Structure formats: structure tokens, C-alpha cells
Amino acid sequence: MKGGLVVLKLLMKMLRKINALSVIEYDLDPTIDQDSEKDENTLVDALPEDVKEGHFAVHAVEDGELKRFVVELSYLAHPGFLKLLKQAEEEFGFNQTGVLEIPCTYSDLQAVVGSKK
């Protein structure tokens, strides 16, 4: 269980970094009028519509191809998901930016996500 907590802490750190990078990328977007006043609604509009509050995006990487999943944050405590995160750490490290990539088959990730329902 202690190893799972370490992985969870590292993942939370990575998700905070991804969130910060998303805002930076948004600020540097040349199509956005930099002189206009940005409010919370403008930032919310820049986020993907399918990633609702309490969720995050993850890619299953199978033979170099990606399939995107949007999962609840509660999966960060799911033993099967923690195992997949450990695989991601071993293959990619925790220096990824953008969407979390996990080296597993689409069906493996779907099985973990479907097992909690």
C-alpha cells in the first residue's frame, strides 16, 4: 500500500503540472487576443468539453497508437489503475507533459475502468 501512496503522490504532482501547462499553452495561443480581459469563463471554454470536473484524460498506448479515455479522479486509488500507473512510470517516467500516457492495451484500460462500476 505504501508504494501505491508514492505513485499517487507522484501522479497528483504530475496532474498539477499538466494543469499548469494547459494554462500556459492557452496564454501563448496566438489566436487569442492577448489584450482582451480573460475571466474564468474564457479559461473554462479552453478546456476540452469531455473532461468534466473530477475527471482527467489518459491515453492507452498500444503499438504506438493512442486511444483516449476520460476517467474519474477516484480511479487514482483503484489497485488496477495504480498498477497501470506503475507501468507508465517505468516506461515513460513522470516527466510527461499533456495527457497521461499508459503503455497498455485499450482493452486492459477499459477493463480497469469498467471494473469499478
C-alpha atoms as a PDB file:
ATOM      1  CA  MET A   1       0.000   0.000   0.000  1.00  0.00           C
ATOM      2  CA  LYS A   2       2.887   2.361   0.751  1.00  0.00           C
ATOM      3  CA  GLY A   3       4.136   2.054  -2.845  1.00  0.00           C
ATOM      4  CA  GLY A   4       0.656   2.956  -4.049  1.00  0.00           C
ATOM      5  CA  LEU A   5       0.710   6.129  -1.981  1.00  0.00           C
ATOM      6  CA  VAL A   6       4.043   7.123  -3.506  1.00  0.00           C
ATOM      7  CA  VAL A   7       2.668   6.571  -7.002  1.00  0.00           C
ATOM      8  CA  LEU A   8      -0.480   8.513  -6.092  1.00  0.00           C
ATOM      9  CA  LYS A   9       1.561  11.455  -4.792  1.00  0.00           C
ATOM     10  CA  LEU A  10       3.712  11.463  -7.932  1.00  0.00           C
ATOM     11  CA  LEU A  11       0.642  11.321 -10.152  1.00  0.00           C
ATOM     12  CA  MET A  12      -1.017  14.197  -8.311  1.00  0.00           C
ATOM     13  CA  LYS A  13       2.180  16.231  -8.761  1.00  0.00           C
ATOM     14  CA  MET A  14       2.182  15.403 -12.473  1.00  0.00           C
ATOM     15  CA  LEU A  15      -1.510  16.308 -12.851  1.00  0.00           C
ATOM     16  CA  ARG A  16      -0.870  19.682 -11.196  1.00  0.00           C
ATOM     17  CA  LYS A  17       1.997  20.239 -13.645  1.00  0.00           C
ATOM     18  CA  ILE A  18      -0.199  19.275 -16.605  1.00  0.00           C
ATOM     19  CA  ASN A  19      -2.911  21.638 -15.407  1.00  0.00           C
ATOM     20  CA  ALA A  20      -0.386  24.479 -15.104  1.00  0.00           C
ATOM     21  CA  LEU A  21       0.997  23.726 -18.577  1.00  0.00           C
ATOM     22  CA  SER A  22      -2.510  23.768 -20.045  1.00  0.00           C
ATOM     23  CA  VAL A  23      -2.996  27.315 -18.799  1.00  0.00           C
ATOM     24  CA  ILE A  24       0.425  28.361 -20.131  1.00  0.00           C
ATOM     25  CA  GLU A  25      -0.325  26.877 -23.555  1.00  0.00           C
ATOM     26  CA  TYR A  26      -3.638  28.704 -23.530  1.00  0.00           C
ATOM     27  CA  ASP A  27      -1.940  32.002 -22.690  1.00  0.00           C
ATOM     28  CA  LEU A  28       0.561  31.558 -25.527  1.00  0.00           C
ATOM     29  CA  ASP A  29      -2.078  30.712 -28.158  1.00  0.00           C
ATOM     30  CA  PRO A  30      -1.571  33.281 -30.961  1.00  0.00           C
ATOM     31  CA  THR A  31      -5.234  33.106 -31.974  1.00  0.00           C
ATOM     32  CA  ILE A  32      -6.307  34.621 -28.673  1.00  0.00           C
ATOM     33  CA  ASP A  33      -6.425  38.378 -28.365  1.00  0.00           C
ATOM     34  CA  GLN A  34      -3.841  38.992 -25.647  1.00  0.00           C
ATOM     35  CA  ASP A  35      -5.263  42.462 -24.962  1.00  0.00           C
ATOM     36  CA  SER A  36      -8.707  41.169 -24.090  1.00  0.00           C
ATOM     37  CA  GLU A  37      -9.550  40.636 -20.464  1.00  0.00           C
ATOM     38  CA  LYS A  38      -9.565  36.951 -19.547  1.00  0.00           C
ATOM     39  CA  ASP A  39     -12.050  35.796 -16.967  1.00  0.00           C
ATOM     40  CA  GLU A  40     -12.832  32.355 -15.570  1.00  0.00           C
ATOM     41  CA  ASN A  41     -15.376  31.670 -18.305  1.00  0.00           C
ATOM     42  CA  THR A  42     -12.744  32.203 -21.002  1.00  0.00           C
ATOM     43  CA  LEU A  43     -10.367  29.730 -19.344  1.00  0.00           C
ATOM     44  CA  VAL A  44     -13.133  27.170 -18.852  1.00  0.00           C
ATOM     45  CA  ASP A  45     -14.047  27.446 -22.548  1.00  0.00           C
ATOM     46  CA  ALA A  46     -10.451  26.490 -23.452  1.00  0.00           C
ATOM     47  CA  LEU A  47     -10.655  23.141 -21.630  1.00  0.00           C
ATOM     48  CA  PRO A  48     -11.835  20.035 -23.512  1.00  0.00           C
ATOM     49  CA  GLU A  49     -15.591  19.651 -23.162  1.00  0.00           C
ATOM     50  CA  ASP A  50     -15.429  15.929 -22.442  1.00  0.00           C
ATOM     51  CA  VAL A  51     -13.162  16.341 -19.377  1.00  0.00           C
ATOM     52  CA  LYS A  52     -15.633  17.292 -16.674  1.00  0.00           C
ATOM     53  CA  GLU A  53     -14.818  18.385 -13.140  1.00  0.00           C
ATOM     54  CA  GLY A  54     -13.443  15.459 -11.151  1.00  0.00           C
ATOM     55  CA  HIS A  55     -12.082  13.680 -14.250  1.00  0.00           C
ATOM     56  CA  PHE A  56      -8.823  13.519 -16.197  1.00  0.00           C
ATOM     57  CA  ALA A  57      -7.759  12.306 -19.628  1.00  0.00           C
ATOM     58  CA  VAL A  58      -5.481   9.317 -20.156  1.00  0.00           C
ATOM     59  CA  HIS A  59      -4.141   7.656 -23.306  1.00  0.00           C
ATOM     60  CA  ALA A  60      -3.682   3.917 -23.686  1.00  0.00           C
ATOM     61  CA  VAL A  61      -0.578   3.446 -25.844  1.00  0.00           C
ATOM     62  CA  GLU A  62      -0.769   0.234 -27.843  1.00  0.00           C
ATOM     63  CA  ASP A  63       1.792  -0.408 -30.603  1.00  0.00           C
ATOM     64  CA  GLY A  64       2.482   3.326 -30.875  1.00  0.00           C
ATOM     65  CA  GLU A  65      -1.204   4.207 -31.303  1.00  0.00           C
ATOM     66  CA  LEU A  66      -3.190   6.174 -28.749  1.00  0.00           C
ATOM     67  CA  LYS A  67      -6.759   5.781 -27.546  1.00  0.00           C
ATOM     68  CA  ARG A  68      -8.080   8.494 -25.253  1.00  0.00           C
ATOM     69  CA  PHE A  69     -10.116   7.773 -22.126  1.00  0.00           C
ATOM     70  CA  VAL A  70     -11.645  10.219 -19.644  1.00  0.00           C
ATOM     71  CA  VAL A  71     -11.767   8.721 -16.153  1.00  0.00           C
ATOM     72  CA  GLU A  72     -12.865   9.842 -12.708  1.00  0.00           C
ATOM     73  CA  LEU A  73     -10.216  11.003 -10.239  1.00  0.00           C
ATOM     74  CA  SER A  74     -11.358   8.227  -7.885  1.00  0.00           C
ATOM     75  CA  TYR A  75      -9.522   5.746 -10.149  1.00  0.00           C
ATOM     76  CA  LEU A  76      -6.268   7.127  -8.745  1.00  0.00           C
ATOM     77  CA  ALA A  77      -6.917   4.872  -5.736  1.00  0.00           C
ATOM     78  CA  HIS A  78      -8.017   1.808  -7.778  1.00  0.00           C
ATOM     79  CA  PRO A  79      -5.459  -1.055  -7.460  1.00  0.00           C
ATOM     80  CA  GLY A  80      -5.683  -1.957 -11.153  1.00  0.00           C
ATOM     81  CA  PHE A  81      -5.177   1.649 -12.212  1.00  0.00           C
ATOM     82  CA  LEU A  82      -2.258   2.040  -9.791  1.00  0.00           C
ATOM     83  CA  LYS A  83      -0.631  -0.985 -11.440  1.00  0.00           C
ATOM     84  CA  LEU A  84      -1.015   0.695 -14.846  1.00  0.00           C
ATOM     85  CA  LEU A  85       0.474   3.915 -13.428  1.00  0.00           C
ATOM     86  CA  LYS A  86       3.491   1.953 -12.203  1.00  0.00           C
ATOM     87  CA  GLN A  87       3.952   0.620 -15.757  1.00  0.00           C
ATOM     88  CA  ALA A  88       3.718   4.181 -17.082  1.00  0.00           C
ATOM     89  CA  GLU A  89       6.340   5.334 -14.581  1.00  0.00           C
ATOM     90  CA  GLU A  90       8.710   2.542 -15.629  1.00  0.00           C
ATOM     91  CA  GLU A  91       8.259   3.195 -19.356  1.00  0.00           C
ATOM     92  CA  PHE A  92       7.862   6.977 -19.554  1.00  0.00           C
ATOM     93  CA  GLY A  93       8.839   8.343 -16.139  1.00  0.00           C
ATOM     94  CA  PHE A  94       6.828  11.149 -14.610  1.00  0.00           C
ATOM     95  CA  ASN A  95       8.220  13.887 -16.824  1.00  0.00           C
ATOM     96  CA  GLN A  96       5.389  13.546 -19.337  1.00  0.00           C
ATOM     97  CA  THR A  97       3.529  16.667 -20.347  1.00  0.00           C
ATOM     98  CA  GLY A  98      -0.008  16.785 -21.620  1.00  0.00           C
ATOM     99  CA  VAL A  99      -2.304  13.796 -21.367  1.00  0.00           C
ATOM    100  CA  LEU A 100      -1.123  10.921 -19.171  1.00  0.00           C
ATOM    101  CA  GLU A 101       0.063   8.030 -21.363  1.00  0.00           C
ATOM    102  CA  ILE A 102      -0.109   4.447 -20.097  1.00  0.00           C
ATOM    103  CA  PRO A 103       1.581   1.589 -22.001  1.00  0.00           C
ATOM    104  CA  CYS A 104      -1.254  -0.941 -22.063  1.00  0.00           C
ATOM    105  CA  THR A 105      -3.801  -2.315 -24.471  1.00  0.00           C
ATOM    106  CA  TYR A 106      -7.061  -0.479 -24.925  1.00  0.00           C
ATOM    107  CA  SER A 107      -8.909  -3.468 -23.517  1.00  0.00           C
ATOM    108  CA  ASP A 108      -6.676  -3.518 -20.394  1.00  0.00           C
ATOM    109  CA  LEU A 109      -7.522   0.089 -19.569  1.00  0.00           C
ATOM    110  CA  GLN A 110     -11.187  -0.465 -20.419  1.00  0.00           C
ATOM    111  CA  ALA A 111     -11.245  -3.497 -18.094  1.00  0.00           C
ATOM    112  CA  VAL A 112      -9.878  -1.422 -15.195  1.00  0.00           C
ATOM    113  CA  VAL A 113     -12.273   1.447 -15.849  1.00  0.00           C
ATOM    114  CA  GLY A 114     -15.214  -0.926 -16.265  1.00  0.00           C
ATOM    115  CA  SER A 115     -14.390  -2.991 -13.166  1.00  0.00           C
ATOM    116  CA  LYS A 116     -15.292  -0.220 -10.750  1.00  0.00           C
ATOM    117  CA  LYS A 117     -18.855   0.285 -11.980  1.00  0.00           C
END
